């Protein structure tokens, strides 16, 4: 009896291993089409789209939108979706979209395990593909010329010496902006956070329409301090901008999990499933670092960019960021933030 049990268990284990090792037929939908809304940097999204098309033979198009604009467009198109996949952008709009029933459930993914359970919090509606931290991207030459020290905490951004030196992301257009606002809500409570944003406002040049726009303006000398994801500043440091340094607020900051998802009711669901499988391979996840996207990667076997170690070495004070609360309260956060600042400073959308 014991021998029979052992043989049965061995057979079950063998079958399990066979199922896990089952290969995906990447050319199963060859000749078909797919449309992707890209919520991360365009170079990153375009490179992934090209690689997917080459691997599958599926003609794949994309439209680049900021993360919150992806959410808004998918919501507006829910009765007649014009895209199949949402790729990239921080997790808060994905959570809001899942709550709205905008994302299709996909429970049969064959992807490798996540490096951290947090990366899989959105399954089966959305899937974690990278992670990063919010902080301060600083032009040290500009700060030195002005005789100003770099900010080291959130309250520093309200100091009068930073007048017309700061750029931040607009929560109404970007997931980066929503997350930045939510971090202060969670650290200090809504009333105090809104007072802080109002106090920062005189120092803000503009509220940009893309999350990466803050570090881009610092790199071009248009701003001395950008509030955004530190990996976007890391890209410019890697490109040789020796004047840029990165700082994390000592009072705490949040982290993102960037996502990808199938849009509910999309026209090409089988092709979309293949895209999700591809996005969750080391092959795909390592594409980003070839075009300057230096986030931490989520899937076992995917090698993080070497440059990202600098962020680990900073010893960043991460709060227990509540992404579920942010996703559920996204619209309220945007409205409350908007009421606290000079809306004339919001960068217009294209």
C-alpha atoms as a PDB file:
ATOM      1  CA  UNK A   1       0.000   0.000   0.000  1.00  0.00           C
ATOM      2  CA  UNK A   2       2.842   2.344   0.950  1.00  0.00           C
ATOM      3  CA  UNK A   3       4.631   1.567  -2.340  1.00  0.00           C
ATOM      4  CA  UNK A   4       1.431   2.355  -4.303  1.00  0.00           C
ATOM      5  CA  UNK A   5       1.090   5.671  -2.483  1.00  0.00           C
ATOM      6  CA  UNK A   6       4.694   6.578  -3.256  1.00  0.00           C
ATOM      7  CA  UNK A   7       4.231   5.720  -6.935  1.00  0.00           C
ATOM      8  CA  UNK A   8       1.014   7.741  -7.084  1.00  0.00           C
ATOM      9  CA  UNK A   9       2.693  10.776  -5.525  1.00  0.00           C
ATOM     10  CA  UNK A  10       5.624  10.447  -7.902  1.00  0.00           C
ATOM     11  CA  UNK A  11       3.273  10.331 -10.888  1.00  0.00           C
ATOM     12  CA  UNK A  12       1.377  13.399  -9.673  1.00  0.00           C
ATOM     13  CA  UNK A  13       4.631  15.286  -9.191  1.00  0.00           C
ATOM     14  CA  UNK A  14       5.790  14.326 -12.670  1.00  0.00           C
ATOM     15  CA  UNK A  15       2.520  15.484 -14.203  1.00  0.00           C
ATOM     16  CA  UNK A  16       2.723  18.733 -12.227  1.00  0.00           C
ATOM     17  CA  UNK A  17       6.243  19.370 -13.469  1.00  0.00           C
ATOM     18  CA  UNK A  18       5.165  18.599 -17.028  1.00  0.00           C
ATOM     19  CA  UNK A  19       2.301  21.089 -16.781  1.00  0.00           C
ATOM     20  CA  UNK A  20       4.597  23.755 -15.330  1.00  0.00           C
ATOM     21  CA  UNK A  21       7.118  23.173 -18.074  1.00  0.00           C
ATOM     22  CA  UNK A  22       4.489  23.288 -20.814  1.00  0.00           C
ATOM     23  CA  UNK A  23       5.681  25.728 -23.434  1.00  0.00           C
ATOM     24  CA  UNK A  24       3.586  28.577 -24.724  1.00  0.00           C
ATOM     25  CA  UNK A  25       2.806  28.554 -28.426  1.00  0.00           C
ATOM     26  CA  UNK A  26       3.934  32.101 -29.168  1.00  0.00           C
ATOM     27  CA  UNK A  27       2.848  31.898 -32.809  1.00  0.00           C
ATOM     28  CA  UNK A  28      -0.691  30.699 -32.034  1.00  0.00           C
ATOM     29  CA  UNK A  29      -2.239  34.017 -33.135  1.00  0.00           C
ATOM     30  CA  UNK A  30       0.211  34.906 -35.886  1.00  0.00           C
ATOM     31  CA  UNK A  31      -1.237  37.349 -38.427  1.00  0.00           C
ATOM     32  CA  UNK A  32      -3.743  38.815 -35.974  1.00  0.00           C
ATOM     33  CA  UNK A  33      -3.731  42.286 -34.385  1.00  0.00           C
ATOM     34  CA  UNK A  34      -3.401  43.877 -30.952  1.00  0.00           C
ATOM     35  CA  UNK A  35      -3.708  47.441 -29.620  1.00  0.00           C
ATOM     36  CA  UNK A  36      -1.843  48.549 -26.492  1.00  0.00           C
ATOM     37  CA  UNK A  37      -2.276  51.642 -24.336  1.00  0.00           C
ATOM     38  CA  UNK A  38       1.226  52.368 -23.011  1.00  0.00           C
ATOM     39  CA  UNK A  39       1.359  54.075 -19.613  1.00  0.00           C
ATOM     40  CA  UNK A  40       5.123  53.960 -19.044  1.00  0.00           C
ATOM     41  CA  UNK A  41       7.810  55.916 -20.924  1.00  0.00           C
ATOM     42  CA  UNK A  42       7.250  55.662 -24.651  1.00  0.00           C
ATOM     43  CA  UNK A  43      10.671  54.223 -25.482  1.00  0.00           C
ATOM     44  CA  UNK A  44      10.098  51.425 -22.994  1.00  0.00           C
ATOM     45  CA  UNK A  45       6.588  50.638 -24.232  1.00  0.00           C
ATOM     46  CA  UNK A  46       7.588  50.833 -27.896  1.00  0.00           C
ATOM     47  CA  UNK A  47      10.509  48.450 -27.368  1.00  0.00           C
ATOM     48  CA  UNK A  48       8.256  45.906 -25.639  1.00  0.00           C
ATOM     49  CA  UNK A  49       5.625  46.192 -28.384  1.00  0.00           C
ATOM     50  CA  UNK A  50       8.260  45.626 -31.088  1.00  0.00           C
ATOM     51  CA  UNK A  51       9.673  42.594 -29.282  1.00  0.00           C
ATOM     52  CA  UNK A  52       6.205  41.096 -28.796  1.00  0.00           C
ATOM     53  CA  UNK A  53       5.355  41.565 -32.471  1.00  0.00           C
ATOM     54  CA  UNK A  54       8.587  39.873 -33.529  1.00  0.00           C
ATOM     55  CA  UNK A  55       8.046  36.974 -31.129  1.00  0.00           C
ATOM     56  CA  UNK A  56       4.399  36.311 -31.987  1.00  0.00           C
ATOM     57  CA  UNK A  57       3.801  37.582 -35.511  1.00  0.00           C
ATOM     58  CA  UNK A  58       0.878  39.634 -34.148  1.00  0.00           C
ATOM     59  CA  UNK A  59       0.700  43.113 -35.669  1.00  0.00           C
ATOM     60  CA  UNK A  60       0.852  45.258 -32.540  1.00  0.00           C
ATOM     61  CA  UNK A  61       0.113  48.982 -32.345  1.00  0.00           C
ATOM     62  CA  UNK A  62       0.266  51.295 -29.347  1.00  0.00           C
ATOM     63  CA  UNK A  63      -0.828  54.711 -28.117  1.00  0.00           C
ATOM     64  CA  UNK A  64       1.238  56.425 -25.400  1.00  0.00           C
ATOM     65  CA  UNK A  65      -0.776  58.029 -22.588  1.00  0.00           C
ATOM     66  CA  UNK A  66       0.058  58.949 -19.009  1.00  0.00           C
ATOM     67  CA  UNK A  67      -1.127  56.418 -16.438  1.00  0.00           C
ATOM     68  CA  UNK A  68      -4.218  58.250 -15.258  1.00  0.00           C
ATOM     69  CA  UNK A  69      -5.150  59.141 -18.844  1.00  0.00           C
ATOM     70  CA  UNK A  70      -5.020  55.416 -19.695  1.00  0.00           C
ATOM     71  CA  UNK A  71      -7.533  54.802 -16.927  1.00  0.00           C
ATOM     72  CA  UNK A  72      -9.761  57.651 -18.087  1.00  0.00           C
ATOM     73  CA  UNK A  73      -9.781  56.530 -21.706  1.00  0.00           C
ATOM     74  CA  UNK A  74     -10.510  52.897 -20.808  1.00  0.00           C
ATOM     75  CA  UNK A  75     -13.372  54.097 -18.590  1.00  0.00           C
ATOM     76  CA  UNK A  76     -14.791  56.264 -21.386  1.00  0.00           C
ATOM     77  CA  UNK A  77     -14.533  53.371 -23.874  1.00  0.00           C
ATOM     78  CA  UNK A  78     -15.907  50.655 -21.618  1.00  0.00           C
ATOM     79  CA  UNK A  79     -18.916  50.012 -23.880  1.00  0.00           C
ATOM     80  CA  UNK A  80     -16.674  49.698 -26.949  1.00  0.00           C
ATOM     81  CA  UNK A  81     -13.017  49.135 -25.985  1.00  0.00           C
ATOM     82  CA  UNK A  82     -10.541  50.456 -28.537  1.00  0.00           C
ATOM     83  CA  UNK A  83      -7.506  48.733 -27.004  1.00  0.00           C
ATOM     84  CA  UNK A  84      -6.779  45.221 -25.778  1.00  0.00           C
ATOM     85  CA  UNK A  85      -3.900  45.769 -23.341  1.00  0.00           C
ATOM     86  CA  UNK A  86      -2.849  48.378 -20.818  1.00  0.00           C
ATOM     87  CA  UNK A  87       0.914  48.233 -20.295  1.00  0.00           C
ATOM     88  CA  UNK A  88       2.911  50.223 -17.746  1.00  0.00           C
ATOM     89  CA  UNK A  89       2.106  52.930 -15.260  1.00  0.00           C
ATOM     90  CA  UNK A  90       1.816  52.792 -11.503  1.00  0.00           C
ATOM     91  CA  UNK A  91      -0.612  50.587  -9.626  1.00  0.00           C
ATOM     92  CA  UNK A  92      -3.146  53.066  -8.225  1.00  0.00           C
ATOM     93  CA  UNK A  93      -5.045  53.585 -11.526  1.00  0.00           C
ATOM     94  CA  UNK A  94      -4.982  49.812 -12.110  1.00  0.00           C
ATOM     95  CA  UNK A  95      -6.624  49.251  -8.741  1.00  0.00           C
ATOM     96  CA  UNK A  96      -9.259  51.878  -9.555  1.00  0.00           C
ATOM     97  CA  UNK A  97      -9.837  50.271 -12.970  1.00  0.00           C
ATOM     98  CA  UNK A  98     -10.231  46.811 -11.422  1.00  0.00           C
ATOM     99  CA  UNK A  99     -12.743  48.249  -8.938  1.00  0.00           C
ATOM    100  CA  UNK A 100     -14.696  49.701 -11.892  1.00  0.00           C
ATOM    101  CA  UNK A 101     -14.799  46.328 -13.690  1.00  0.00           C
ATOM    102  CA  UNK A 102     -12.620  47.635 -16.533  1.00  0.00           C
ATOM    103  CA  UNK A 103     -10.030  44.842 -16.441  1.00  0.00           C
ATOM    104  CA  UNK A 104     -10.546  41.260 -17.579  1.00  0.00           C
ATOM    105  CA  UNK A 105      -9.839  38.378 -15.217  1.00  0.00           C
ATOM    106  CA  UNK A 106      -6.994  36.114 -16.375  1.00  0.00           C
ATOM    107  CA  UNK A 107      -6.397  33.234 -13.992  1.00  0.00           C
ATOM    108  CA  UNK A 108      -4.425  30.820 -16.188  1.00  0.00           C
ATOM    109  CA  UNK A 109      -1.130  32.668 -16.540  1.00  0.00           C
ATOM    110  CA  UNK A 110       1.909  30.406 -16.739  1.00  0.00           C
ATOM    111  CA  UNK A 111       4.344  33.042 -15.497  1.00  0.00           C
ATOM    112  CA  UNK A 112       7.252  32.359 -13.170  1.00  0.00           C
ATOM    113  CA  UNK A 113       6.909  33.258  -9.462  1.00  0.00           C
ATOM    114  CA  UNK A 114       7.147  36.867  -8.317  1.00  0.00           C
ATOM    115  CA  UNK A 115      10.183  37.993  -6.346  1.00  0.00           C
ATOM    116  CA  UNK A 116       7.829  39.489  -3.742  1.00  0.00           C
ATOM    117  CA  UNK A 117       4.160  38.739  -2.937  1.00  0.00           C
ATOM    118  CA  UNK A 118       3.438  42.486  -3.217  1.00  0.00           C
ATOM    119  CA  UNK A 119       4.126  42.332  -6.950  1.00  0.00           C
ATOM    120  CA  UNK A 120       1.151  40.025  -7.445  1.00  0.00           C
ATOM    121  CA  UNK A 121      -1.457  41.899  -5.416  1.00  0.00           C
ATOM    122  CA  UNK A 122      -3.514  42.748  -8.498  1.00  0.00           C
ATOM    123  CA  UNK A 123      -3.953  39.240  -9.866  1.00  0.00           C
ATOM    124  CA  UNK A 124      -5.978  37.990 -11.620  1.00  0.00           C
ATOM    125  CA  UNK A 125      -7.012  41.429 -12.960  1.00  0.00           C
ATOM    126  CA  UNK A 126      -3.612  43.095 -13.356  1.00  0.00           C
ATOM    127  CA  UNK A 127      -0.019  41.911 -13.099  1.00  0.00           C
ATOM    128  CA  UNK A 128       3.082  43.541 -11.590  1.00  0.00           C
ATOM    129  CA  UNK A 129       5.936  44.160 -14.037  1.00  0.00           C
ATOM    130  CA  UNK A 130       8.284  46.590 -12.230  1.00  0.00           C
ATOM    131  CA  UNK A 131       8.689  48.617  -9.035  1.00  0.00           C
ATOM    132  CA  UNK A 132      10.109  52.014  -8.062  1.00  0.00           C
ATOM    133  CA  UNK A 133      10.253  54.698  -5.338  1.00  0.00           C
ATOM    134  CA  UNK A 134       9.092  58.331  -5.218  1.00  0.00           C
ATOM    135  CA  UNK A 135      11.707  60.929  -4.239  1.00  0.00           C
ATOM    136  CA  UNK A 136      13.536  64.115  -5.205  1.00  0.00           C
ATOM    137  CA  UNK A 137      15.630  64.479  -8.375  1.00  0.00           C
ATOM    138  CA  UNK A 138      17.959  67.463  -7.917  1.00  0.00           C
ATOM    139  CA  UNK A 139      20.196  69.612 -10.111  1.00  0.00           C
ATOM    140  CA  UNK A 140      23.025  70.195  -7.662  1.00  0.00           C
ATOM    141  CA  UNK A 141      24.650  72.893  -9.810  1.00  0.00           C
ATOM    142  CA  UNK A 142      21.442  74.944  -9.835  1.00  0.00           C
ATOM    143  CA  UNK A 143      20.961  74.507  -6.084  1.00  0.00           C
ATOM    144  CA  UNK A 144      24.563  75.465  -5.350  1.00  0.00           C
ATOM    145  CA  UNK A 145      24.285  78.544  -7.550  1.00  0.00           C
ATOM    146  CA  UNK A 146      21.156  79.583  -5.631  1.00  0.00           C
ATOM    147  CA  UNK A 147      22.844  78.834  -2.307  1.00  0.00           C
ATOM    148  CA  UNK A 148      20.197  76.283  -1.382  1.00  0.00           C
ATOM    149  CA  UNK A 149      20.626  72.824   0.135  1.00  0.00           C
ATOM    150  CA  UNK A 150      18.735  69.924  -1.485  1.00  0.00           C
ATOM    151  CA  UNK A 151      15.423  68.979   0.161  1.00  0.00           C
ATOM    152  CA  UNK A 152      15.579  66.035   2.529  1.00  0.00           C
ATOM    153  CA  UNK A 153      11.940  65.833   3.697  1.00  0.00           C
ATOM    154  CA  UNK A 154       8.507  66.730   2.364  1.00  0.00           C
ATOM    155  CA  UNK A 155       8.236  69.905   4.466  1.00  0.00           C
ATOM    156  CA  UNK A 156      11.419  71.247   2.864  1.00  0.00           C
ATOM    157  CA  UNK A 157       9.531  71.724  -0.408  1.00  0.00           C
ATOM    158  CA  UNK A 158       7.583  74.564   1.244  1.00  0.00           C
ATOM    159  CA  UNK A 159      10.674  76.623   2.141  1.00  0.00           C
ATOM    160  CA  UNK A 160      10.657  80.047   0.453  1.00  0.00           C
ATOM    161  CA  UNK A 161      14.180  79.567  -0.902  1.00  0.00           C
ATOM    162  CA  UNK A 162      12.787  77.008  -3.372  1.00  0.00           C
ATOM    163  CA  UNK A 163      10.461  79.542  -5.040  1.00  0.00           C
ATOM    164  CA  UNK A 164      10.018  78.744  -8.753  1.00  0.00           C
ATOM    165  CA  UNK A 165      12.484  75.839  -8.552  1.00  0.00           C
ATOM    166  CA  UNK A 166      10.259  72.735  -8.260  1.00  0.00           C
ATOM    167  CA  UNK A 167       8.280  70.603 -10.704  1.00  0.00           C
ATOM    168  CA  UNK A 168       5.721  67.992  -9.680  1.00  0.00           C
ATOM    169  CA  UNK A 169       3.366  65.631 -11.515  1.00  0.00           C
ATOM    170  CA  UNK A 170      -0.310  66.453 -12.000  1.00  0.00           C
ATOM    171  CA  UNK A 171      -2.498  63.803 -10.286  1.00  0.00           C
ATOM    172  CA  UNK A 172      -5.260  64.574 -12.772  1.00  0.00           C
ATOM    173  CA  UNK A 173      -3.098  63.216 -15.581  1.00  0.00           C
ATOM    174  CA  UNK A 174      -0.544  60.899 -13.999  1.00  0.00           C
ATOM    175  CA  UNK A 175      -0.407  57.952 -11.650  1.00  0.00           C
ATOM    176  CA  UNK A 176       2.837  59.466 -10.351  1.00  0.00           C
ATOM    177  CA  UNK A 177       0.927  62.551  -9.235  1.00  0.00           C
ATOM    178  CA  UNK A 178      -1.832  60.529  -7.579  1.00  0.00           C
ATOM    179  CA  UNK A 179       0.758  58.502  -5.698  1.00  0.00           C
ATOM    180  CA  UNK A 180       2.701  61.596  -4.597  1.00  0.00           C
ATOM    181  CA  UNK A 181      -0.457  63.160  -3.194  1.00  0.00           C
ATOM    182  CA  UNK A 182      -1.518  59.912  -1.530  1.00  0.00           C
ATOM    183  CA  UNK A 183       1.851  59.511   0.197  1.00  0.00           C
ATOM    184  CA  UNK A 184       1.318  62.836   1.991  1.00  0.00           C
ATOM    185  CA  UNK A 185      -2.325  61.971   2.744  1.00  0.00           C
ATOM    186  CA  UNK A 186      -1.161  58.741   4.366  1.00  0.00           C
ATOM    187  CA  UNK A 187       1.769  60.306   6.201  1.00  0.00           C
ATOM    188  CA  UNK A 188       0.027  63.395   7.556  1.00  0.00           C
ATOM    189  CA  UNK A 189      -3.712  63.037   7.057  1.00  0.00           C
ATOM    190  CA  UNK A 190      -5.725  64.829   4.395  1.00  0.00           C
ATOM    191  CA  UNK A 191      -6.067  68.233   6.079  1.00  0.00           C
ATOM    192  CA  UNK A 192      -2.364  68.595   6.852  1.00  0.00           C
ATOM    193  CA  UNK A 193      -1.362  67.203   3.439  1.00  0.00           C
ATOM    194  CA  UNK A 194      -3.498  69.785   1.620  1.00  0.00           C
ATOM    195  CA  UNK A 195      -1.955  72.548   3.728  1.00  0.00           C
ATOM    196  CA  UNK A 196       1.479  71.262   2.698  1.00  0.00           C
ATOM    197  CA  UNK A 197       0.571  71.217  -0.999  1.00  0.00           C
ATOM    198  CA  UNK A 198      -0.785  74.760  -0.728  1.00  0.00           C
ATOM    199  CA  UNK A 199       2.467  75.845   0.935  1.00  0.00           C
ATOM    200  CA  UNK A 200       4.546  74.146  -1.790  1.00  0.00           C
ATOM    201  CA  UNK A 201       2.533  75.711  -4.607  1.00  0.00           C
ATOM    202  CA  UNK A 202       4.431  79.064  -4.786  1.00  0.00           C
ATOM    203  CA  UNK A 203       7.636  77.082  -5.301  1.00  0.00           C
ATOM    204  CA  UNK A 204       6.223  74.969  -8.150  1.00  0.00           C
ATOM    205  CA  UNK A 205       6.941  76.068 -11.712  1.00  0.00           C
ATOM    206  CA  UNK A 206       4.460  73.660 -13.266  1.00  0.00           C
ATOM    207  CA  UNK A 207       2.561  70.425 -12.630  1.00  0.00           C
ATOM    208  CA  UNK A 208       3.606  68.211 -15.537  1.00  0.00           C
ATOM    209  CA  UNK A 209       1.407  65.885 -17.571  1.00  0.00           C
ATOM    210  CA  UNK A 210       3.760  62.861 -17.448  1.00  0.00           C
ATOM    211  CA  UNK A 211       5.431  61.253 -14.466  1.00  0.00           C
ATOM    212  CA  UNK A 212       8.862  61.247 -16.116  1.00  0.00           C
ATOM    213  CA  UNK A 213       8.463  64.915 -17.042  1.00  0.00           C
ATOM    214  CA  UNK A 214       9.788  66.062 -13.654  1.00  0.00           C
ATOM    215  CA  UNK A 215      13.229  64.490 -14.066  1.00  0.00           C
ATOM    216  CA  UNK A 216      13.296  65.531 -17.731  1.00  0.00           C
ATOM    217  CA  UNK A 217      12.879  69.191 -16.728  1.00  0.00           C
ATOM    218  CA  UNK A 218      15.655  68.871 -14.159  1.00  0.00           C
ATOM    219  CA  UNK A 219      17.951  67.371 -16.807  1.00  0.00           C
ATOM    220  CA  UNK A 220      17.341  70.315 -19.177  1.00  0.00           C
ATOM    221  CA  UNK A 221      17.904  72.952 -16.486  1.00  0.00           C
ATOM    222  CA  UNK A 222      14.257  74.055 -16.425  1.00  0.00           C
ATOM    223  CA  UNK A 223      13.886  73.090 -12.760  1.00  0.00           C
ATOM    224  CA  UNK A 224      16.219  72.506  -9.833  1.00  0.00           C
ATOM    225  CA  UNK A 225      14.074  69.895  -8.043  1.00  0.00           C
ATOM    226  CA  UNK A 226      11.751  67.321  -9.534  1.00  0.00           C
ATOM    227  CA  UNK A 227       9.409  65.186  -7.448  1.00  0.00           C
ATOM    228  CA  UNK A 228       8.958  61.819  -9.121  1.00  0.00           C
ATOM    229  CA  UNK A 229      10.203  58.282  -9.431  1.00  0.00           C
ATOM    230  CA  UNK A 230      13.879  58.052  -8.593  1.00  0.00           C
ATOM    231  CA  UNK A 231      14.612  55.559 -11.362  1.00  0.00           C
ATOM    232  CA  UNK A 232      13.757  58.274 -13.920  1.00  0.00           C
ATOM    233  CA  UNK A 233      16.517  60.440 -12.439  1.00  0.00           C
ATOM    234  CA  UNK A 234      18.820  57.431 -12.370  1.00  0.00           C
ATOM    235  CA  UNK A 235      18.483  57.226 -16.155  1.00  0.00           C
ATOM    236  CA  UNK A 236      19.950  60.714 -16.571  1.00  0.00           C
ATOM    237  CA  UNK A 237      22.773  59.944 -14.147  1.00  0.00           C
ATOM    238  CA  UNK A 238      23.590  56.879 -16.249  1.00  0.00           C
ATOM    239  CA  UNK A 239      23.626  59.114 -19.331  1.00  0.00           C
ATOM    240  CA  UNK A 240      26.359  61.252 -17.767  1.00  0.00           C
ATOM    241  CA  UNK A 241      24.495  64.071 -16.028  1.00  0.00           C
ATOM    242  CA  UNK A 242      26.971  64.476 -13.172  1.00  0.00           C
ATOM    243  CA  UNK A 243      25.021  67.425 -11.737  1.00  0.00           C
ATOM    244  CA  UNK A 244      21.986  65.268 -10.852  1.00  0.00           C
ATOM    245  CA  UNK A 245      21.668  63.637  -7.438  1.00  0.00           C
ATOM    246  CA  UNK A 246      18.804  61.718  -5.882  1.00  0.00           C
ATOM    247  CA  UNK A 247      17.276  62.123  -2.425  1.00  0.00           C
ATOM    248  CA  UNK A 248      14.500  60.285  -0.605  1.00  0.00           C
ATOM    249  CA  UNK A 249      12.352  62.122   1.965  1.00  0.00           C
ATOM    250  CA  UNK A 250      13.512  61.167   5.453  1.00  0.00           C
ATOM    251  CA  UNK A 251       9.947  61.219   6.782  1.00  0.00           C
ATOM    252  CA  UNK A 252       9.004  58.417   4.394  1.00  0.00           C
ATOM    253  CA  UNK A 253       7.923  57.711   0.867  1.00  0.00           C
ATOM    254  CA  UNK A 254       5.938  55.161  -1.092  1.00  0.00           C
ATOM    255  CA  UNK A 255       6.737  52.616  -3.742  1.00  0.00           C
ATOM    256  CA  UNK A 256       4.878  51.648  -6.874  1.00  0.00           C
ATOM    257  CA  UNK A 257       4.202  48.389  -8.607  1.00  0.00           C
ATOM    258  CA  UNK A 258       3.861  49.099 -12.306  1.00  0.00           C
ATOM    259  CA  UNK A 259       1.234  46.964 -13.987  1.00  0.00           C
ATOM    260  CA  UNK A 260      -0.175  45.453 -17.130  1.00  0.00           C
ATOM    261  CA  UNK A 261      -3.692  44.146 -17.771  1.00  0.00           C
ATOM    262  CA  UNK A 262      -6.187  42.881 -20.320  1.00  0.00           C
ATOM    263  CA  UNK A 263      -8.997  45.353 -20.939  1.00  0.00           C
ATOM    264  CA  UNK A 264     -12.459  43.903 -20.260  1.00  0.00           C
ATOM    265  CA  UNK A 265     -14.428  43.279 -23.464  1.00  0.00           C
ATOM    266  CA  UNK A 266     -11.383  43.757 -25.712  1.00  0.00           C
ATOM    267  CA  UNK A 267     -11.534  42.652 -29.336  1.00  0.00           C
ATOM    268  CA  UNK A 268      -8.510  40.301 -29.222  1.00  0.00           C
ATOM    269  CA  UNK A 269      -8.584  38.390 -25.909  1.00  0.00           C
ATOM    270  CA  UNK A 270      -6.388  35.451 -26.957  1.00  0.00           C
ATOM    271  CA  UNK A 271      -3.735  37.767 -28.343  1.00  0.00           C
ATOM    272  CA  UNK A 272      -3.982  39.798 -25.146  1.00  0.00           C
ATOM    273  CA  UNK A 273      -3.313  36.702 -23.028  1.00  0.00           C
ATOM    274  CA  UNK A 274      -0.146  36.076 -25.027  1.00  0.00           C
ATOM    275  CA  UNK A 275       0.935  39.651 -24.341  1.00  0.00           C
ATOM    276  CA  UNK A 276       0.471  39.170 -20.590  1.00  0.00           C
ATOM    277  CA  UNK A 277       2.531  35.970 -20.737  1.00  0.00           C
ATOM    278  CA  UNK A 278       5.278  37.815 -22.596  1.00  0.00           C
ATOM    279  CA  UNK A 279       5.245  40.767 -20.184  1.00  0.00           C
ATOM    280  CA  UNK A 280       5.854  38.326 -17.325  1.00  0.00           C
ATOM    281  CA  UNK A 281       9.010  36.760 -18.774  1.00  0.00           C
ATOM    282  CA  UNK A 282      12.572  37.794 -17.893  1.00  0.00           C
ATOM    283  CA  UNK A 283      13.110  38.315 -21.639  1.00  0.00           C
ATOM    284  CA  UNK A 284      10.496  41.055 -21.738  1.00  0.00           C
ATOM    285  CA  UNK A 285      11.159  42.586 -18.332  1.00  0.00           C
ATOM    286  CA  UNK A 286      14.848  43.100 -19.119  1.00  0.00           C
ATOM    287  CA  UNK A 287      14.011  45.097 -22.264  1.00  0.00           C
ATOM    288  CA  UNK A 288      13.334  48.235 -20.239  1.00  0.00           C
ATOM    289  CA  UNK A 289      16.925  48.708 -19.092  1.00  0.00           C
ATOM    290  CA  UNK A 290      18.108  48.714 -22.719  1.00  0.00           C
ATOM    291  CA  UNK A 291      16.189  51.995 -23.232  1.00  0.00           C
ATOM    292  CA  UNK A 292      16.862  53.635 -19.859  1.00  0.00           C
ATOM    293  CA  UNK A 293      13.951  52.218 -17.821  1.00  0.00           C
ATOM    294  CA  UNK A 294      15.736  51.280 -14.588  1.00  0.00           C
ATOM    295  CA  UNK A 295      12.983  49.985 -12.309  1.00  0.00           C
ATOM    296  CA  UNK A 296      13.280  46.891 -10.147  1.00  0.00           C
ATOM    297  CA  UNK A 297      11.832  43.843 -11.938  1.00  0.00           C
ATOM    298  CA  UNK A 298       9.160  41.550 -10.549  1.00  0.00           C
ATOM    299  CA  UNK A 299       9.635  38.048 -11.951  1.00  0.00           C
ATOM    300  CA  UNK A 300      12.103  35.455 -10.679  1.00  0.00           C
ATOM    301  CA  UNK A 301      14.940  35.172 -13.179  1.00  0.00           C
ATOM    302  CA  UNK A 302      14.615  38.777 -14.391  1.00  0.00           C
ATOM    303  CA  UNK A 303      17.862  40.606 -13.629  1.00  0.00           C
ATOM    304  CA  UNK A 304      17.443  44.081 -12.136  1.00  0.00           C
ATOM    305  CA  UNK A 305      19.432  46.904 -13.761  1.00  0.00           C
ATOM    306  CA  UNK A 306      22.845  47.257 -12.113  1.00  0.00           C
ATOM    307  CA  UNK A 307      22.192  50.979 -11.623  1.00  0.00           C
ATOM    308  CA  UNK A 308      19.173  50.235  -9.432  1.00  0.00           C
ATOM    309  CA  UNK A 309      21.503  49.052  -6.656  1.00  0.00           C
ATOM    310  CA  UNK A 310      22.215  52.735  -5.951  1.00  0.00           C
ATOM    311  CA  UNK A 311      18.612  53.103  -4.765  1.00  0.00           C
ATOM    312  CA  UNK A 312      18.983  50.133  -2.435  1.00  0.00           C
ATOM    313  CA  UNK A 313      22.154  51.667  -1.018  1.00  0.00           C
ATOM    314  CA  UNK A 314      20.290  54.900  -0.161  1.00  0.00           C
ATOM    315  CA  UNK A 315      18.455  53.136   2.664  1.00  0.00           C
ATOM    316  CA  UNK A 316      15.114  54.662   1.688  1.00  0.00           C
ATOM    317  CA  UNK A 317      12.461  54.991   4.415  1.00  0.00           C
ATOM    318  CA  UNK A 318       9.447  53.266   2.853  1.00  0.00           C
ATOM    319  CA  UNK A 319       6.052  53.705   4.476  1.00  0.00           C
ATOM    320  CA  UNK A 320       3.447  50.948   4.534  1.00  0.00           C
ATOM    321  CA  UNK A 321       1.902  52.489   1.431  1.00  0.00           C
ATOM    322  CA  UNK A 322      -1.783  51.560   1.056  1.00  0.00           C
ATOM    323  CA  UNK A 323      -2.312  51.240  -2.683  1.00  0.00           C
ATOM    324  CA  UNK A 324      -5.784  49.748  -2.214  1.00  0.00           C
ATOM    325  CA  UNK A 325      -6.936  52.863  -0.367  1.00  0.00           C
ATOM    326  CA  UNK A 326      -5.373  55.076  -3.033  1.00  0.00           C
ATOM    327  CA  UNK A 327      -7.063  53.206  -5.860  1.00  0.00           C
ATOM    328  CA  UNK A 328     -10.448  53.368  -4.137  1.00  0.00           C
ATOM    329  CA  UNK A 329     -10.073  57.098  -3.392  1.00  0.00           C
ATOM    330  CA  UNK A 330      -8.270  58.231  -6.536  1.00  0.00           C
ATOM    331  CA  UNK A 331     -10.913  60.711  -7.718  1.00  0.00           C
ATOM    332  CA  UNK A 332     -11.254  62.262  -4.280  1.00  0.00           C
ATOM    333  CA  UNK A 333      -7.472  62.649  -4.001  1.00  0.00           C
ATOM    334  CA  UNK A 334      -7.352  64.417  -7.377  1.00  0.00           C
ATOM    335  CA  UNK A 335     -10.229  66.760  -6.521  1.00  0.00           C
ATOM    336  CA  UNK A 336      -8.838  67.623  -3.086  1.00  0.00           C
ATOM    337  CA  UNK A 337      -5.331  68.240  -4.422  1.00  0.00           C
ATOM    338  CA  UNK A 338      -6.672  70.398  -7.258  1.00  0.00           C
ATOM    339  CA  UNK A 339      -8.539  72.568  -4.761  1.00  0.00           C
ATOM    340  CA  UNK A 340      -5.309  73.284  -2.866  1.00  0.00           C
ATOM    341  CA  UNK A 341      -3.090  74.586  -5.709  1.00  0.00           C
ATOM    342  CA  UNK A 342      -3.021  77.215  -8.449  1.00  0.00           C
ATOM    343  CA  UNK A 343      -4.572  75.338 -11.358  1.00  0.00           C
ATOM    344  CA  UNK A 344      -3.057  77.799 -13.842  1.00  0.00           C
ATOM    345  CA  UNK A 345       0.225  75.965 -13.238  1.00  0.00           C
ATOM    346  CA  UNK A 346      -1.126  72.651 -14.528  1.00  0.00           C
ATOM    347  CA  UNK A 347       0.614  71.788 -17.774  1.00  0.00           C
ATOM    348  CA  UNK A 348      -1.961  71.454 -20.569  1.00  0.00           C
ATOM    349  CA  UNK A 349      -2.410  68.081 -22.213  1.00  0.00           C
ATOM    350  CA  UNK A 350      -1.673  67.633 -25.909  1.00  0.00           C
END
